[in-house]
Amino acid sequence: MTTGVFDAAIIGAGVMGCSTALHLARGSMRVAIVDRGGICREASGVNAGTLTLHMTRAALIPYAIRGWEMWVSASQWLGCDVGVRATDGLSLAFTESEAALLERRAQVRREAGAPIELVPLARAREIEPGLSEKVRLAAHCPIDGFASAYLTGIAFRTALVNTGVSVIEYSPVTGIERSNNSFVVRMRDGTALAARRVVLAGGVWLEEMLRWFGLSIAVKVLINQLVITERVRAVMRTVLSIANGLLSLKQFDNGTVLIGGGWQGIGDRERGGVEIVPDNLIGNVRLARWVVPALADARVVRIWLGLEAEVADAMPMIGPVPGIMDAFVIGSVHSGYTSGPYMGRLLADLILGHEPERALFNPSRLIGQAAMH
């Protein structure tokens, strides 16, 4: 067993787990963070890196705005650049029904505080000259952008180590037990650590992790397909998304274009893994070409999958584990990469005994509910 008792052990080293650990350590707690892989190398390291309000549920807009602000100032609080590019964002409608949907979504997000306005094609093409002429209506948000998901893990690992967090990577946790006034976190290699508090931050594996405490909260897994193209000339300078789906497009400084989300992959995270659906992938690429015609000649160089969690009401679960004193959970945040750092900070404030500046999302509401389908 690792020597001594930690004040907190974080199980899961994605953006939310890392942010929670970092802010707890900066609050003078002795912290360990454990992950089955490397820091931010699961969903947080392979997502599209989009920092957007267009894909954020209205109730989470205030959280996403604060998360966006944290990403843009990452060099100050995280101590390292993560390739953040603050840009304009456009959500697009190509049909009458999509335009109606876009209008409704823009209105509810605007009421929640998002600076989103509807613009006609002419204005949309001023913002993004490479846009298709077939756009019927667009929603414009000046608070958008993207980060490098790969650099996220490097930055967080450096910050955690520099803050004194014990980083334990490539060590799958098999269970948690109570022992006197602490928890014993057991790992597959036979090692263990003790902590007065535990935080479950395992993303799509939270359903299985909550079973360690005898709880049943269903978690649906979204299997996002991502594509990166070869380097091409500058064809876009904004982040683009489609009103009737979660497909997003952006071009990095090196000229590659990332096409993420849209029609999904298939599989089961427990039984046999996940896999790409070729027809869905082709559909996503064709849609990207429809949105930005200049992508017609770009070749795909890499494809991968990223997992995202969702619970019954499509809202986060962030707060105390029901019925288990000193145990907490954080995850299942829609568009969680954008608001992830802020969500972790809020949970850390709660654990440190401070009043979080925004309400958390009590997981007890989800007991016994089925996951969304």
Protein backbone atom coordinates (compact mmCIF):
# COMPACT_ATOMS: atom_id res chain seq x y z
CA MET A 1 0.00 0.00 0.00
CA THR A 2 1.19 3.51 -0.78
CA THR A 3 2.62 5.08 2.39
CA GLY A 4 0.35 7.38 4.39
CA VAL A 5 -3.25 8.43 4.00
CA PHE A 6 -4.15 10.93 1.31
CA ASP A 7 -6.72 13.63 1.94
CA ALA A 8 -8.33 12.76 -1.41
CA ALA A 9 -7.94 10.15 -4.12
CA ILE A 10 -9.28 10.95 -7.58
CA ILE A 11 -10.14 7.90 -9.70
CA GLY A 12 -10.05 8.95 -13.34
CA ALA A 13 -7.60 11.42 -14.87
CA GLY A 14 -9.62 13.17 -17.54
CA VAL A 15 -10.10 16.93 -17.60
CA MET A 16 -12.66 16.92 -14.76
CA GLY A 17 -10.67 14.58 -12.54
CA CYS A 18 -7.44 16.47 -13.16
CA SER A 19 -9.05 19.84 -12.49
CA THR A 20 -10.57 18.54 -9.26
CA ALA A 21 -7.22 17.12 -8.14
CA LEU A 22 -5.31 20.28 -9.05
CA HIS A 23 -7.66 22.61 -7.19
CA LEU A 24 -7.78 20.33 -4.14
CA ALA A 25 -3.97 20.27 -4.03
CA ARG A 26 -3.86 24.05 -4.34
CA GLY A 27 -6.26 24.07 -1.37
CA SER A 28 -3.53 22.34 0.69
CA MET A 29 -4.85 18.80 0.46
CA ARG A 30 -2.58 15.81 -0.08
CA VAL A 31 -3.95 14.31 -3.28
CA ALA A 32 -3.46 11.22 -5.43
CA ILE A 33 -4.90 10.74 -8.89
CA VAL A 34 -5.18 7.26 -10.43
CA ASP A 35 -6.03 6.23 -13.97
CA ARG A 36 -6.19 3.01 -15.98
CA GLY A 37 -4.14 4.81 -18.67
CA GLY A 38 -2.20 8.04 -18.95
CA ILE A 39 -3.29 11.48 -17.86
CA CYS A 40 -6.07 12.72 -20.18
CA ARG A 41 -5.48 9.85 -22.59
CA GLU A 42 -9.00 8.43 -22.67
CA ALA A 43 -11.96 10.60 -23.79
CA SER A 44 -10.28 13.86 -22.74
CA GLY A 45 -7.31 13.19 -24.98
CA VAL A 46 -9.07 12.00 -28.13
CA ASN A 47 -12.07 14.33 -28.41
CA ALA A 48 -12.39 17.12 -30.97
CA GLY A 49 -11.17 19.76 -28.52
CA THR A 50 -14.13 22.01 -29.35
CA LEU A 51 -14.82 24.88 -26.95
CA THR A 52 -18.34 25.86 -27.89
CA LEU A 53 -21.66 27.11 -26.61
CA HIS A 54 -23.54 25.96 -29.71
CA MET A 55 -23.47 22.31 -28.57
CA THR A 56 -24.01 23.04 -24.88
CA ARG A 57 -27.37 22.46 -23.23
CA ALA A 58 -28.99 25.74 -22.20
CA ALA A 59 -28.87 24.99 -18.47
CA LEU A 60 -25.11 24.50 -18.72
CA ILE A 61 -24.35 27.69 -20.65
CA PRO A 62 -23.14 29.65 -17.58
CA TYR A 63 -20.79 26.79 -16.70
CA ALA A 64 -19.50 26.51 -20.27
CA ILE A 65 -18.79 30.24 -20.44
CA ARG A 66 -16.66 30.00 -17.28
CA GLY A 67 -14.98 26.89 -18.68
CA TRP A 68 -14.24 28.72 -21.95
CA GLU A 69 -12.70 31.57 -19.97
CA MET A 70 -10.50 29.09 -18.10
CA TRP A 71 -9.31 27.45 -21.33
CA VAL A 72 -8.47 30.80 -22.90
CA SER A 73 -6.42 31.72 -19.82
CA ALA A 74 -4.89 28.24 -19.40
CA SER A 75 -1.32 29.56 -19.40
CA GLN A 76 -2.14 31.50 -16.22
CA TRP A 77 -3.85 28.87 -14.04
CA LEU A 78 -2.59 25.68 -15.68
CA GLY A 79 0.88 27.02 -16.41
CA CYS A 80 1.06 25.73 -19.96
CA ASP A 81 -0.41 26.49 -23.38
CA VAL A 82 -2.75 23.81 -24.68
CA GLY A 83 -3.06 25.16 -28.19
CA VAL A 84 -6.21 27.15 -27.48
CA ARG A 85 -7.53 29.24 -30.34
CA ALA A 86 -10.39 31.60 -29.52
CA THR A 87 -12.50 32.02 -32.65
CA ASP A 88 -15.99 32.77 -33.86
CA GLY A 89 -18.39 29.86 -34.06
CA LEU A 90 -21.22 29.24 -36.51
CA SER A 91 -24.03 26.71 -36.24
CA LEU A 92 -25.60 26.13 -39.65
CA ALA A 93 -29.01 25.27 -41.07
CA PHE A 94 -29.49 24.04 -44.64
CA THR A 95 -33.22 23.26 -44.64
CA GLU A 96 -36.38 24.93 -43.41
CA SER A 97 -36.76 22.47 -40.54
CA GLU A 98 -33.11 22.95 -39.53
CA ALA A 99 -33.60 26.72 -39.60
CA ALA A 100 -36.58 26.43 -37.25
CA LEU A 101 -34.55 24.20 -34.94
CA LEU A 102 -31.64 26.65 -35.04
CA GLU A 103 -33.92 29.55 -34.15
CA ARG A 104 -35.33 27.69 -31.11
CA ARG A 105 -31.92 26.60 -29.88
CA ALA A 106 -30.39 30.03 -30.35
CA GLN A 107 -33.23 31.61 -28.38
CA VAL A 108 -32.97 29.30 -25.35
CA ARG A 109 -29.18 29.55 -25.27
CA ARG A 110 -29.34 33.32 -25.58
CA GLU A 111 -31.81 33.44 -22.68
CA ALA A 112 -29.28 31.38 -20.68
CA GLY A 113 -26.57 33.96 -21.31
CA ALA A 114 -24.88 32.85 -24.53
CA PRO A 115 -24.04 35.76 -26.90
CA ILE A 116 -25.60 34.01 -29.89
CA GLU A 117 -27.32 35.87 -32.74
CA LEU A 118 -28.98 34.63 -35.92
CA VAL A 119 -27.36 35.86 -39.13
CA PRO A 120 -28.23 35.44 -42.83
CA LEU A 121 -25.97 33.77 -45.37
CA ALA A 122 -24.27 37.02 -46.44
CA ARG A 123 -23.18 37.83 -42.88
CA ALA A 124 -22.22 34.21 -42.19
CA ARG A 125 -19.91 34.27 -45.24
CA GLU A 126 -18.32 37.49 -44.02
CA ILE A 127 -17.46 35.64 -40.83
CA GLU A 128 -16.47 32.43 -42.66
CA PRO A 129 -15.68 33.08 -46.37
CA GLY A 130 -15.23 29.37 -47.11
CA LEU A 131 -18.82 28.58 -46.23
CA SER A 132 -21.20 26.91 -48.68
CA GLU A 133 -23.69 29.16 -50.47
CA LYS A 134 -26.41 26.64 -49.62
CA VAL A 135 -26.64 27.75 -45.99
CA ARG A 136 -30.17 28.96 -45.22
CA LEU A 137 -29.49 30.44 -41.77
CA ALA A 138 -26.64 30.57 -39.26
CA ALA A 139 -26.24 31.26 -35.56
CA HIS A 140 -23.12 33.21 -34.68
CA CYS A 141 -21.30 33.12 -31.35
CA PRO A 142 -18.06 35.09 -30.78
CA ILE A 143 -17.21 32.86 -27.79
CA ASP A 144 -15.99 29.69 -29.46
CA GLY A 145 -12.74 28.00 -30.36
CA PHE A 146 -10.77 24.86 -29.74
CA ALA A 147 -7.81 23.40 -27.88
CA SER A 148 -5.45 20.54 -28.58
CA ALA A 149 -6.86 17.55 -26.75
CA TYR A 150 -3.44 15.88 -26.96
CA LEU A 151 -1.66 18.79 -25.27
CA THR A 152 -4.27 18.80 -22.49
CA GLY A 153 -2.76 15.74 -20.81
CA ILE A 154 0.80 17.07 -21.03
CA ALA A 155 -0.25 20.36 -19.45
CA PHE A 156 -2.30 18.81 -16.66
CA ARG A 157 0.36 16.23 -15.81
CA THR A 158 2.99 18.94 -15.45
CA ALA A 159 0.69 21.09 -13.31
CA LEU A 160 -0.31 18.16 -11.08
CA VAL A 161 3.27 17.08 -10.47
CA ASN A 162 4.39 20.64 -9.81
CA THR A 163 1.58 21.03 -7.26
CA GLY A 164 2.62 17.88 -5.40
CA VAL A 165 -0.14 15.52 -6.56
CA SER A 166 0.84 11.85 -6.60
CA VAL A 167 0.17 10.76 -10.18
CA ILE A 168 -0.47 7.02 -10.61
CA GLU A 169 -0.91 6.08 -14.27
CA TYR A 170 -1.61 2.76 -16.05
CA SER A 171 -3.08 1.31 -12.86
CA PRO A 172 -6.70 0.15 -13.29
CA VAL A 173 -8.67 0.34 -10.05
CA THR A 174 -10.60 -2.82 -9.22
CA GLY A 175 -12.53 -1.63 -6.19
CA ILE A 176 -12.85 0.65 -3.16
CA GLU A 177 -13.41 -0.48 0.43
CA ARG A 178 -14.03 1.31 3.71
CA SER A 179 -11.37 0.90 6.39
CA ASN A 180 -11.91 2.81 9.64
CA ASN A 181 -12.07 6.50 8.68
CA SER A 182 -10.66 6.15 5.18
CA PHE A 183 -11.13 4.38 1.86
CA VAL A 184 -8.80 1.74 0.47
CA VAL A 185 -8.41 2.01 -3.30
CA ARG A 186 -7.24 -1.31 -4.74
CA MET A 187 -5.48 -1.61 -8.09
CA ARG A 188 -5.17 -4.53 -10.47
CA ASP A 189 -1.43 -4.97 -9.82
CA GLY A 190 -2.10 -5.67 -6.15
CA THR A 191 -1.10 -2.25 -4.84
CA ALA A 192 -3.43 0.03 -2.92
CA LEU A 193 -3.68 3.47 -1.39
CA ALA A 194 -5.68 4.95 1.46
CA ALA A 195 -7.57 8.23 1.34
CA ARG A 196 -10.03 10.06 3.58
CA ARG A 197 -12.09 11.06 0.55
CA VAL A 198 -12.55 9.61 -2.92
CA VAL A 199 -13.76 11.19 -6.14
CA LEU A 200 -15.06 9.02 -8.97
CA ALA A 201 -14.19 10.76 -12.25
CA GLY A 202 -14.21 7.82 -14.63
CA GLY A 203 -16.26 9.21 -17.52
CA VAL A 204 -18.08 6.45 -19.40
CA TRP A 205 -17.00 3.96 -16.72
CA LEU A 206 -18.88 5.73 -13.93
CA GLU A 207 -21.73 3.22 -14.06
CA GLU A 208 -19.31 0.40 -13.21
CA MET A 209 -17.45 2.51 -10.63
CA LEU A 210 -20.63 3.44 -8.76
CA ARG A 211 -21.36 -0.27 -8.41
CA TRP A 212 -18.36 -0.42 -6.06
CA PHE A 213 -20.66 1.35 -3.60
CA GLY A 214 -23.69 -0.76 -4.48
CA LEU A 215 -25.34 2.00 -6.51
CA SER A 216 -27.10 1.70 -9.85
CA ILE A 217 -26.97 4.77 -12.10
CA ALA A 218 -27.28 4.04 -15.79
CA VAL A 219 -24.78 5.75 -18.10
CA LYS A 220 -25.24 5.80 -21.87
CA VAL A 221 -22.11 5.88 -24.00
CA LEU A 222 -21.92 8.03 -27.13
CA ILE A 223 -19.34 6.80 -29.63
CA ASN A 224 -18.08 9.79 -31.57
CA GLN A 225 -16.19 9.24 -34.82
CA LEU A 226 -13.34 11.65 -35.55
CA VAL A 227 -11.43 12.28 -38.76
CA ILE A 228 -8.32 14.31 -39.44
CA THR A 229 -7.36 15.34 -42.96
CA GLU A 230 -4.02 15.93 -44.57
CA ARG A 231 -2.63 19.46 -44.42
CA VAL A 232 -4.45 21.74 -46.82
CA ARG A 233 -4.47 25.45 -47.55
CA ALA A 234 -6.47 27.67 -45.21
CA VAL A 235 -10.13 26.84 -45.91
CA MET A 236 -11.79 27.93 -42.65
CA ARG A 237 -11.06 30.22 -39.71
CA THR A 238 -14.02 29.49 -37.42
CA VAL A 239 -15.53 26.49 -35.66
CA LEU A 240 -18.52 25.19 -37.62
CA SER A 241 -21.33 22.90 -36.47
CA ILE A 242 -24.59 21.65 -37.92
CA ALA A 243 -27.94 22.55 -36.35
CA ASN A 244 -29.45 19.05 -36.56
CA GLY A 245 -26.48 17.12 -35.18
CA LEU A 246 -23.23 17.29 -33.25
CA LEU A 247 -20.81 17.38 -36.19
CA SER A 248 -18.13 20.04 -35.81
CA LEU A 249 -15.32 21.27 -38.05
CA LYS A 250 -12.21 23.27 -37.40
CA GLN A 251 -8.80 23.79 -39.02
CA PHE A 252 -5.60 23.73 -37.00
CA ASP A 253 -2.60 25.98 -37.53
CA ASN A 254 -0.74 23.18 -39.35
CA GLY A 255 -3.48 23.02 -42.01
CA THR A 256 -5.18 19.79 -40.93
CA VAL A 257 -8.97 19.81 -40.59
CA LEU A 258 -10.73 17.88 -37.84
CA ILE A 259 -14.21 16.49 -38.51
CA GLY A 260 -15.74 15.27 -35.26
CA GLY A 261 -19.02 13.87 -33.96
CA GLY A 262 -21.97 13.48 -36.30
CA TRP A 263 -23.15 9.95 -37.10
CA GLN A 264 -21.69 7.60 -34.55
CA GLY A 265 -19.74 4.40 -34.23
CA ILE A 266 -21.05 1.27 -32.51
CA GLY A 267 -20.02 -1.16 -29.82
CA ASP A 268 -19.98 -1.77 -26.10
CA ARG A 269 -17.29 -0.45 -23.78
CA GLU A 270 -17.39 -3.68 -21.75
CA ARG A 271 -18.01 -6.37 -24.36
CA GLY A 272 -15.70 -6.36 -27.33
CA GLY A 273 -14.96 -2.65 -27.51
CA VAL A 274 -16.16 -0.07 -30.01
CA GLU A 275 -15.75 0.24 -33.76
CA ILE A 276 -16.16 2.60 -36.68
CA VAL A 277 -19.26 2.46 -38.90
CA PRO A 278 -17.92 3.11 -42.44
CA ASP A 279 -21.22 4.39 -43.87
CA ASN A 280 -21.62 6.81 -40.97
CA LEU A 281 -18.04 7.95 -41.35
CA ILE A 282 -18.49 8.57 -45.07
CA GLY A 283 -21.66 10.50 -44.30
CA ASN A 284 -19.78 12.75 -41.88
CA VAL A 285 -17.06 13.46 -44.44
CA ARG A 286 -19.59 14.19 -47.17
CA LEU A 287 -21.43 16.57 -44.86
CA ALA A 288 -18.17 18.35 -44.08
CA ARG A 289 -17.55 18.80 -47.82
CA TRP A 290 -21.08 20.14 -48.21
CA VAL A 291 -20.43 22.72 -45.48
CA VAL A 292 -16.99 23.78 -46.76
CA PRO A 293 -16.74 22.98 -50.49
CA ALA A 294 -12.96 23.47 -50.52
CA LEU A 295 -12.64 20.25 -48.52
CA ALA A 296 -13.62 18.24 -51.61
CA ASP A 297 -10.00 17.50 -52.47
CA ALA A 298 -8.75 16.89 -48.92
CA ARG A 299 -7.73 13.34 -48.08
CA VAL A 300 -8.38 11.60 -44.78
CA VAL A 301 -5.21 10.49 -42.99
CA ARG A 302 -6.49 9.22 -39.64
CA ILE A 303 -9.70 8.04 -38.00
CA TRP A 304 -10.40 7.32 -34.34
CA LEU A 305 -13.23 7.08 -31.80
CA GLY A 306 -13.95 9.16 -28.71
CA LEU A 307 -16.39 8.17 -25.97
CA GLU A 308 -18.82 10.49 -24.21
CA ALA A 309 -21.14 9.74 -21.28
CA GLU A 310 -24.77 10.74 -20.80
CA VAL A 311 -27.29 9.96 -18.05
CA ALA A 312 -31.08 9.78 -18.05
CA ASP A 313 -31.82 13.53 -17.98
CA ALA A 314 -28.74 14.50 -20.05
CA MET A 315 -27.48 16.67 -17.19
CA PRO A 316 -24.24 16.19 -15.22
CA MET A 317 -23.77 14.25 -12.03
CA ILE A 318 -21.49 16.28 -9.80
CA GLY A 319 -21.62 16.05 -6.04
CA PRO A 320 -21.67 13.56 -3.15
CA VAL A 321 -22.17 9.87 -3.91
CA PRO A 322 -25.64 9.10 -2.46
CA GLY A 323 -25.40 7.48 0.95
CA ILE A 324 -21.58 7.33 1.06
CA MET A 325 -19.95 9.94 3.28
CA ASP A 326 -16.79 11.56 1.86
CA ALA A 327 -17.28 10.01 -1.58
CA PHE A 328 -17.98 12.20 -4.60
CA VAL A 329 -18.63 11.79 -8.32
CA ILE A 330 -18.10 14.06 -11.32
CA GLY A 331 -18.94 13.33 -14.93
CA SER A 332 -21.54 12.90 -17.68
CA VAL A 333 -21.32 16.59 -18.60
CA HIS A 334 -22.73 17.35 -22.05
CA SER A 335 -19.96 19.03 -24.11
CA GLY A 336 -17.89 18.34 -21.04
CA TYR A 337 -14.54 19.33 -22.51
CA THR A 338 -15.60 22.99 -22.64
CA SER A 339 -16.83 23.25 -19.06
CA GLY A 340 -14.65 20.48 -17.59
CA PRO A 341 -12.02 22.64 -15.84
CA TYR A 342 -14.71 24.76 -14.22
CA MET A 343 -16.77 21.76 -13.11
CA GLY A 344 -13.67 20.32 -11.41
CA ARG A 345 -13.04 23.61 -9.64
CA LEU A 346 -16.63 23.71 -8.36
CA LEU A 347 -16.41 20.19 -6.93
CA ALA A 348 -13.05 20.99 -5.34
CA ASP A 349 -14.61 24.02 -3.66
CA LEU A 350 -17.35 21.80 -2.20
CA ILE A 351 -14.84 19.24 -0.90
CA LEU A 352 -12.65 21.99 0.59
CA GLY A 353 -15.64 23.27 2.54
CA HIS A 354 -16.28 26.36 0.43
CA GLU A 355 -19.60 27.33 -1.11
CA PRO A 356 -19.35 26.70 -4.89
CA GLU A 357 -20.22 29.81 -6.89
CA ARG A 358 -22.70 27.78 -8.96
CA ALA A 359 -24.99 24.89 -8.07
CA LEU A 360 -23.79 21.33 -8.54
CA PHE A 361 -25.86 18.43 -9.88
CA ASN A 362 -26.86 15.96 -7.18
CA PRO A 363 -26.42 12.39 -8.45
CA SER A 364 -29.15 11.08 -6.11
CA ARG A 365 -31.81 12.19 -8.63
CA LEU A 366 -30.61 9.45 -10.98
CA ILE A 367 -30.94 6.42 -8.76
CA GLY A 368 -32.95 3.77 -10.59
CA GLN A 369 -33.42 5.74 -13.82
CA ALA A 370 -32.61 4.19 -17.18
CA ALA A 371 -30.02 5.80 -19.44
CA MET A 372 -31.23 7.83 -22.43
CA HIS A 373 -31.50 6.08 -25.77
